[in-house]
Protein backbone atom coordinates (compact mmCIF):
# COMPACT_ATOMS: atom_id res chain seq x y z
CA MET A 1 103.77 112.52 204.14
CA ALA A 2 104.11 111.67 200.34
CA GLN A 3 104.28 113.70 197.20
CA LEU A 4 101.34 112.56 195.03
CA THR A 5 102.64 109.95 192.31
CA THR A 6 101.56 110.99 188.71
CA GLY A 7 100.48 108.46 186.23
CA GLY A 8 97.30 106.42 185.30
CA ARG A 9 95.72 104.54 188.01
CA VAL A 10 97.49 106.08 190.84
CA ASP A 11 96.32 109.58 189.79
CA GLN A 12 92.80 108.24 189.73
CA ASP A 13 92.61 106.54 192.94
CA GLN A 14 94.49 109.31 194.90
CA GLY A 15 92.41 111.91 192.98
CA ALA A 16 89.22 110.02 194.22
CA PHE A 17 90.23 110.18 197.95
CA ALA A 18 90.94 114.21 197.57
CA ALA A 19 87.50 114.56 195.73
CA GLU A 20 85.83 112.56 198.58
CA LEU A 21 87.45 114.53 201.22
CA ALA A 22 86.34 117.84 199.52
CA ALA A 23 82.73 116.59 199.10
CA ARG A 24 82.41 115.51 202.62
CA ARG A 25 84.05 118.67 204.26
CA SER A 26 81.66 120.81 202.11
CA ALA A 27 78.65 118.68 203.11
CA ALA A 28 79.59 119.06 206.84
CA GLY A 29 79.69 122.89 206.28
CA LEU A 30 83.32 123.03 207.53
CA SER A 31 85.94 125.40 206.34
CA LEU A 32 89.62 124.18 205.76
CA ALA A 33 90.56 125.97 208.94
CA GLN A 34 87.75 124.39 210.88
CA LEU A 35 88.52 120.95 209.74
CA ALA A 36 92.37 121.29 210.31
CA GLY A 37 91.66 122.30 213.78
CA ARG A 38 89.70 119.02 214.34
CA VAL A 39 92.47 116.88 212.96
CA HIS A 40 95.47 118.97 214.20
CA ALA A 41 96.83 119.70 210.84
CA HIS A 42 98.11 122.91 209.28
CA ARG A 43 95.31 124.54 207.11
CA ALA A 44 97.79 124.85 204.10
CA HIS A 45 98.79 121.25 204.40
CA LEU A 46 95.19 120.17 204.49
CA GLN A 47 94.36 122.24 201.48
CA ARG A 48 97.25 120.48 199.45
CA VAL A 49 95.85 117.19 200.55
CA GLU A 50 92.18 118.05 199.46
CA THR A 51 93.47 119.59 195.99
CA ALA A 52 95.36 116.12 195.34
CA GLN A 53 98.93 117.92 195.61
CA ARG A 54 100.02 115.85 198.75
CA TRP A 55 99.13 112.41 199.93
CA PRO A 56 98.52 111.94 203.77
CA ALA A 57 99.64 109.38 205.98
CA GLU A 58 97.16 106.77 207.42
CA PRO A 59 96.84 108.62 210.86
CA LEU A 60 95.69 111.85 209.27
CA ALA A 61 93.19 109.81 206.93
CA ARG A 62 91.86 108.16 209.95
CA LEU A 63 91.34 111.40 211.65
CA LEU A 64 89.55 113.11 208.75
CA ASP A 65 87.42 109.95 208.44
CA ASP A 66 86.32 110.38 212.03
CA ALA A 67 86.12 114.11 211.98
CA LEU A 68 83.58 114.04 208.86
CA ALA A 69 81.68 110.92 210.33
CA ALA A 70 82.51 109.25 206.94
CA HIS A 71 82.20 105.71 208.49
CA GLY A 72 85.18 104.32 206.97
CA VAL A 73 84.36 105.51 203.60
CA LEU A 74 87.07 108.11 203.40
CA LEU A 75 89.67 105.65 204.89
CA ALA A 76 88.70 103.00 202.32
CA ALA A 77 89.33 105.66 199.61
CA TRP A 78 92.74 106.34 201.17
CA ARG A 79 93.58 102.59 201.29
CA ALA A 80 92.77 102.25 197.52
CA GLY A 81 95.05 105.22 196.73
CA GLU A 82 97.76 103.72 199.12
CA ALA A 83 97.77 100.35 197.45
CA ALA A 84 97.68 101.93 193.98
CA ARG A 85 100.77 104.07 194.97
CA ILE A 86 102.68 101.19 196.55
CA THR A 87 102.18 99.12 193.14
CA ALA A 88 103.00 101.99 191.14
CA ALA A 89 106.15 102.51 192.99
CA THR A 90 107.13 98.86 192.58
CA ASN A 91 106.46 99.05 188.74
CA THR A 92 108.31 102.38 188.75
CA ARG A 93 111.36 100.76 190.46
CA ALA A 94 111.39 97.80 187.90
CA VAL A 95 110.90 100.22 184.94
CA ALA A 96 113.96 102.27 186.23
CA GLY A 97 116.09 99.47 186.67
CA SER A 98 115.41 98.15 183.26
CA VAL A 99 116.34 101.55 181.78
CA ARG A 100 119.51 101.73 183.84
CA ASP A 101 120.35 98.38 182.03
CA SER A 102 119.35 99.82 178.55
CA ARG A 103 121.94 102.79 179.37
CA GLU A 104 124.57 100.21 180.42
CA LEU A 105 124.14 98.57 177.13
CA ASP A 106 124.40 101.81 175.20
CA ALA A 107 127.57 102.48 177.19
CA PHE A 108 128.88 99.08 176.08
CA LEU A 109 128.01 99.50 172.48
CA ASP A 110 129.91 102.64 172.64
CA THR A 111 133.25 100.67 173.38
CA GLY A 112 132.94 98.65 170.32
CA LEU A 113 133.94 95.54 172.36
CA LEU A 114 131.10 93.17 171.44
CA ASN A 115 131.48 89.76 172.03
CA GLU A 116 129.89 86.31 171.13
CA ALA A 117 126.38 85.09 171.41
CA VAL A 118 124.95 81.74 172.15
CA THR A 119 122.08 79.71 170.56
CA ARG A 120 120.25 79.57 173.88
CA ALA A 121 120.10 83.44 173.90
CA GLU A 122 118.04 83.34 170.55
CA ARG A 123 115.54 80.67 171.88
CA ALA A 124 114.95 82.78 175.03
CA ALA A 125 114.20 85.86 172.89
CA ALA A 126 111.76 83.82 170.79
CA ALA A 127 110.14 82.16 173.63
CA LEU A 128 109.72 85.64 175.44
CA ALA A 129 108.13 87.07 172.14
CA ALA A 130 105.52 84.36 171.80
CA ALA A 131 104.83 84.31 175.71
CA TYR A 132 104.21 88.03 175.79
CA LEU A 133 100.80 87.58 173.82
CA THR A 134 99.36 85.73 176.82
CA ASN A 135 101.19 87.09 179.88
CA PRO A 136 100.82 90.29 181.85
CA PRO A 137 103.30 92.98 181.31
CA ALA A 138 105.09 93.13 184.68
CA PRO A 139 106.47 89.77 184.79
CA MET A 140 107.34 89.84 181.07
CA LEU A 141 109.49 92.99 181.72
CA ASP A 142 111.15 91.07 184.51
CA ALA A 143 111.81 88.04 182.39
CA ALA A 144 113.25 90.18 179.39
CA LEU A 145 115.55 92.12 181.58
CA ILE A 146 116.92 88.97 183.18
CA ALA A 147 117.35 87.41 179.57
CA ARG A 148 118.95 90.66 178.08
CA GLN A 149 121.43 90.78 181.19
CA ALA A 150 122.55 87.18 180.32
CA VAL A 151 122.99 88.33 176.73
CA VAL A 152 125.32 91.25 177.75
CA ARG A 153 127.39 88.74 179.81
CA GLU A 154 128.00 86.63 176.68
CA LEU A 155 128.78 89.62 174.67
CA ARG A 156 131.45 90.39 177.15
CA ARG A 157 133.00 86.79 176.94
CA ALA A 158 132.79 85.43 173.55
CA PRO A 159 135.35 86.31 170.70
CA ALA A 160 133.90 85.34 167.40
CA SER A 161 132.46 88.18 165.34
CA GLY A 162 129.62 86.09 163.94
CA GLN A 163 128.38 85.18 167.40
CA ARG A 164 128.87 88.76 168.67
CA ARG A 165 126.67 89.83 165.71
CA ASP A 166 123.90 87.30 166.36
CA LEU A 167 123.74 88.31 170.25
CA THR A 168 123.71 92.00 169.55
CA ARG A 169 120.68 91.18 167.45
CA VAL A 170 119.16 89.19 170.35
CA ALA A 171 119.81 92.18 172.62
CA GLY A 172 117.91 94.48 170.32
CA GLN A 173 114.93 91.96 170.31
CA LEU A 174 114.84 91.81 174.03
CA SER A 175 115.17 95.56 174.24
CA GLY A 176 112.01 95.65 172.03
CA VAL A 177 110.13 93.24 174.41
CA LEU A 178 111.15 95.60 177.28
CA ALA A 179 109.86 98.45 175.35
CA TYR A 180 106.43 96.88 174.90
CA ALA A 181 106.09 95.82 178.69
CA ALA A 182 107.29 99.50 179.90
CA LEU A 183 104.64 100.85 177.59
CA ASP A 184 101.87 98.46 178.75
CA LEU A 185 102.53 99.53 182.19
CA GLY A 186 102.03 103.11 181.39
CA HIS A 187 105.73 104.21 181.07
CA ALA A 188 106.15 105.76 177.82
CA HIS A 189 109.35 107.55 178.55
CA ALA A 190 111.06 104.15 179.57
CA ALA A 191 109.40 102.54 176.52
CA ASN A 192 111.34 104.93 174.30
CA ALA A 193 114.45 104.29 175.87
CA HIS A 194 114.28 100.71 175.27
CA ALA A 195 113.11 101.29 171.82
CA ALA A 196 116.19 103.53 171.00
CA THR A 197 118.55 101.01 172.43
CA ALA A 198 116.90 98.32 170.07
CA LEU A 199 117.24 100.45 167.31
CA ARG A 200 120.97 100.88 167.90
CA CYS A 201 121.41 97.22 168.16
CA ALA A 202 119.53 96.69 164.83
CA ALA A 203 121.74 99.45 163.13
CA THR A 204 125.05 97.98 164.63
CA VAL A 205 124.26 94.55 162.99
CA GLY A 206 122.38 96.00 159.97
CA ASP A 207 119.20 94.25 160.62
CA LEU A 208 116.38 96.06 158.70
CA GLU A 209 113.67 94.03 159.70
CA LEU A 210 114.15 94.46 163.27
CA ALA A 211 114.93 98.15 162.68
CA SER A 212 111.59 98.57 160.90
CA TRP A 213 109.79 96.56 163.69
CA VAL A 214 111.52 99.26 166.23
CA ARG A 215 110.19 102.13 164.20
CA GLY A 216 106.81 100.79 164.19
CA THR A 217 107.01 100.37 168.02
CA GLN A 218 108.24 103.93 168.30
CA SER A 219 105.31 104.97 166.24
CA LEU A 220 103.10 102.96 168.86
CA ILE A 221 104.66 104.83 171.63
CA ALA A 222 103.95 108.16 170.27
CA ARG A 223 100.46 107.33 169.54
CA PHE A 224 100.20 106.15 173.25
CA SER A 225 101.32 109.74 174.15
CA LYS A 226 99.11 111.23 171.65
CA ASP A 227 101.61 112.63 169.50
CA TYR A 228 100.06 111.67 166.21
CA ARG A 229 102.20 113.67 163.82
CA GLY A 230 105.34 112.27 165.47
CA ALA A 231 103.59 108.80 165.10
CA LEU A 232 102.92 109.37 161.41
CA ALA A 233 106.52 110.54 160.78
CA LEU A 234 108.03 107.37 162.66
CA ALA A 235 105.79 104.97 160.70
CA ARG A 236 106.64 106.41 157.45
CA ALA A 237 110.45 106.58 158.28
CA GLY A 238 110.08 102.66 159.00
CA LEU A 239 108.69 102.10 155.57
CA ASP A 240 111.91 103.41 154.13
CA HIS A 241 113.65 100.28 155.26
CA ALA A 242 111.03 97.69 156.00
CA GLY A 243 112.05 94.11 155.92
CA ALA A 244 110.56 91.02 154.19
CA GLY A 245 108.42 89.96 157.17
CA THR A 246 105.04 91.49 158.36
CA SER A 247 106.78 94.97 159.29
CA THR A 248 105.43 96.62 156.02
CA PRO A 249 101.58 95.97 156.61
CA ARG A 250 102.22 96.82 160.57
CA LEU A 251 103.85 100.29 159.71
CA LEU A 252 101.10 101.08 157.13
CA ALA A 253 98.47 100.21 159.62
CA GLY A 254 100.33 102.48 162.06
CA VAL A 255 100.15 105.08 159.44
CA ALA A 256 96.30 104.64 159.33
CA GLN A 257 96.02 105.01 163.03
CA SER A 258 97.93 108.15 163.14
CA ALA A 259 96.07 109.63 160.11
CA ALA A 260 92.58 108.86 161.70
CA ASN A 261 93.52 110.42 164.89
CA LEU A 262 94.59 113.47 162.75
CA GLY A 263 91.31 113.38 161.04
CA ASP A 264 92.44 112.53 157.53
CA ARG A 265 89.88 109.97 156.39
CA CYS A 266 91.53 109.61 152.80
CA GLU A 267 94.94 108.71 154.33
CA THR A 268 93.41 106.35 156.76
CA HIS A 269 91.67 104.12 154.03
CA ARG A 270 94.52 104.49 151.61
CA ALA A 271 96.92 103.05 154.36
CA LEU A 272 94.55 100.35 155.60
CA ASP A 273 94.05 99.16 151.79
CA ALA A 274 97.95 99.31 151.38
CA ALA A 275 98.39 97.39 154.64
CA ARG A 276 95.93 94.55 153.24
CA THR A 277 97.92 94.32 150.09
CA ALA A 278 101.24 94.23 151.75
CA ALA A 279 99.99 91.45 154.29
CA GLU A 280 99.10 89.28 151.37
CA LYS A 281 102.67 89.62 150.04
CA ALA A 282 104.44 89.40 153.42
CA GLY A 283 107.16 86.69 154.24
CA PRO A 284 107.86 84.93 157.44
CA ASP A 285 109.16 86.82 160.49
CA ALA A 286 112.47 86.19 162.37
CA LEU A 287 110.38 85.97 165.60
CA PRO A 288 107.03 84.75 166.74
CA GLY A 289 104.36 86.36 168.91
CA LEU A 290 105.22 90.06 169.58
CA PHE A 291 107.13 90.39 166.37
CA THR A 292 104.56 89.26 163.98
CA PHE A 293 101.62 91.17 162.31
CA SER A 294 98.89 88.49 161.88
CA GLN A 295 95.69 89.03 159.97
CA ALA A 296 93.83 89.29 163.34
CA LYS A 297 96.28 92.22 164.05
CA LEU A 298 95.49 93.98 160.85
CA ALA A 299 91.87 93.59 161.46
CA TYR A 300 92.31 94.93 165.05
CA TYR A 301 94.42 97.86 163.63
CA GLY A 302 91.60 98.74 161.09
CA ALA A 303 89.07 98.62 163.97
CA SER A 304 91.16 100.90 165.91
CA ALA A 305 91.88 103.52 163.34
CA LEU A 306 88.37 103.58 161.91
CA MET A 307 86.61 104.21 165.30
CA TRP A 308 88.21 107.54 165.41
CA LEU A 309 86.67 108.83 162.10
CA ASP A 310 83.46 110.57 162.08
CA GLU A 311 81.45 108.71 159.46
CA PRO A 312 78.81 106.12 160.45
CA ASP A 313 80.14 103.93 157.87
CA ASP A 314 83.61 103.90 159.33
CA ALA A 315 82.05 103.16 162.87
CA ARG A 316 80.27 100.06 161.34
CA ARG A 317 83.31 98.94 159.65
CA SER A 318 85.26 99.30 162.85
CA VAL A 319 82.82 97.11 164.45
CA THR A 320 83.10 94.46 161.44
CA ASN A 321 86.94 94.66 161.85
CA ALA A 322 86.91 94.11 165.56
CA ALA A 323 84.80 91.12 165.30
CA GLU A 324 86.84 89.85 162.51
CA ALA A 325 90.10 90.00 164.72
CA ILE A 326 88.32 88.34 167.88
CA ALA A 327 87.08 85.53 165.62
CA LEU A 328 90.55 84.98 164.28
CA TRP A 329 92.11 84.92 167.56
CA GLN A 330 89.76 82.67 169.18
CA ALA A 331 89.63 80.22 166.14
CA GLY A 332 93.52 80.24 165.87
CA ASP A 333 96.43 78.56 167.79
CA PRO A 334 96.00 79.43 171.70
CA VAL A 335 99.89 80.45 171.53
CA ASP A 336 99.11 83.16 168.81
CA ARG A 337 96.09 84.55 170.73
CA SER A 338 96.80 88.02 172.07
CA LEU A 339 94.55 88.55 174.90
CA ASP A 340 95.30 92.20 175.67
CA ASP A 341 94.55 93.06 171.89
CA GLU A 342 91.37 90.95 172.07
CA ALA A 343 90.23 92.95 174.89
CA LEU A 344 91.32 95.98 173.27
CA ALA A 345 89.33 94.99 170.20
CA ARG A 346 86.33 94.69 172.33
CA VAL A 347 86.76 98.25 173.61
CA TYR A 348 87.19 99.65 169.89
CA ALA A 349 83.82 97.95 168.95
CA ALA A 350 82.17 99.35 172.02
CA THR A 351 83.42 102.92 171.16
CA ALA A 352 82.11 102.48 167.53
CA HIS A 353 78.75 101.12 168.85
CA ILE A 354 78.51 104.15 171.22
CA LYS A 355 79.25 106.68 168.25
CA LEU A 356 76.42 104.89 166.36
CA GLY A 357 74.08 105.38 169.50
CA GLU A 358 74.03 101.45 170.21
CA LEU A 359 74.47 101.38 173.99
CA ASP A 360 73.22 97.88 174.54
CA ALA A 361 75.88 96.39 171.93
CA ALA A 362 78.54 98.48 173.49
CA ALA A 363 77.62 97.14 176.87
CA ALA A 364 77.82 93.55 175.61
CA GLN A 365 81.27 94.20 174.18
CA LEU A 366 82.66 95.77 177.25
CA HIS A 367 81.34 93.17 179.75
CA PRO A 368 84.27 90.61 179.46
CA VAL A 369 86.71 93.65 179.44
CA LEU A 370 85.25 95.27 182.62
CA THR A 371 85.63 91.88 184.44
CA LEU A 372 89.39 91.47 183.74
CA PRO A 373 91.76 90.95 186.70
CA PRO A 374 93.61 94.21 187.45
CA ASP A 375 97.17 92.68 186.25
CA ARG A 376 95.45 92.34 182.86
CA ARG A 377 94.32 96.03 182.78
CA ILE A 378 97.16 97.22 180.78
CA SER A 379 97.65 101.09 180.24
CA TRP A 380 96.05 100.89 176.74
CA LEU A 381 93.05 99.46 178.28
CA ARG A 382 92.75 101.82 181.18
CA ASN A 383 92.99 104.74 178.64
CA ARG A 384 90.70 103.49 176.05
CA VAL A 385 88.17 102.80 178.83
CA ALA A 386 88.48 106.18 180.02
CA ASP A 387 87.78 107.39 176.49
CA ILE A 388 84.36 105.47 176.55
CA GLY A 389 83.57 106.94 179.92
CA GLN A 390 83.88 110.54 178.26
CA LEU A 391 82.00 109.60 175.35
CA LEU A 392 79.08 108.76 177.49
CA THR A 393 78.97 112.17 179.16
CA SER A 394 77.75 113.58 175.92
CA ASN A 395 73.98 115.10 176.20
CA THR A 396 72.96 112.56 173.97
CA PHE A 397 73.15 109.97 176.62
CA ALA A 398 71.92 112.18 179.56
CA THR A 399 68.69 110.28 180.25
CA SER A 400 69.93 106.95 179.36
CA PRO A 401 70.10 104.42 182.39
CA THR A 402 72.46 102.19 180.14
CA ALA A 403 74.92 105.07 179.88
CA ALA A 404 74.60 105.91 183.48
CA GLU A 405 75.46 102.22 184.31
CA LEU A 406 78.37 102.18 181.84
CA ARG A 407 79.91 105.28 183.18
CA GLU A 408 79.88 103.76 186.64
CA ALA A 409 81.46 100.52 185.33
CA THR A 410 84.15 102.21 183.34
CA THR A 411 84.87 104.29 186.67
CA ALA A 412 85.25 101.32 188.64
CA PHE A 413 87.54 99.63 185.99
CA ARG A 414 89.92 102.51 186.03
CA ARG A 415 90.09 102.35 189.87
CA GLY A 416 90.41 98.47 190.07
């Protein structure tokens, strides 16, 4: 018998089993004690299963399905929860291993015995940064961890200070990739650990561009965790030492997102305007892909900030910005096309459409998202689709068949 796992899809699937069990027991008119007697279980244990505090083994799930004449429905719900639990455990082990690696790198930095780097490590970091835009996060986390372990081996061997400096920078960049992958898998704590290591690497070699990128990523992690005041402070801290690349517009866009979630419309618009101005002056970035902030990304950030504001004009601008981001990604180089962000841009446009009462337009935006395969349903997508499901529970949509269909589709997406 397993303790229930907490986090994202696992909570949803295991909660669905518990809810189905409670509903069927109630419909059968059985007390907990009566049902416990039929399946040869303790009443207290069955209560914990029904209230999603414990996860049952398969034999008990089968007995419950038979006792409640569920004809396999309850067992199917258990299998969905078990599959999600196994997948989450696998991801959690991978994330935990990557965090241990960050801790080892931290300990190594404490010794001051930094060694040389090699050119192939820089190439590996650049390749991973570019590949991240078009690949699921789980294999990216594995690849970045392997690459960083190779970097640490080189650090331990090489004697030249210049090469040590270069490879420490690469270790920081790869730690940044690990931070993104962990966050996209729903592990904010692990993402913060990797980001802290990346920031320390940046400070060790005095790389302001990497440091400001990491601050932007830490702000992103805080926004994922709904700590918008912390996110705002981190983005502003990054602006204090922003580099010559696109870190300044990225940080300003992060300020806008944080301010919007705090209800500060004036600061949201001010930061977005400043981000557009900064983007026009930005120079090239050291790495491609994940470490760049393109015009498409700026439009995408605008959409995700404006959708949180209450004014209809802001919702319309959110739709426009989302459409601009999608068009730029689709017309640009496929290597630079951020598939996860493109899907999220559709979710942001759908959110704005719902706020404007335009359900058919929202459904059209959501259709390509709701059919994504499970490995492309990153934590951001699951959370934002859940937000849409919540919006659709408003009394405004109580009699709308379209709203009912969308609510059902968003629930299926989160469970898939």
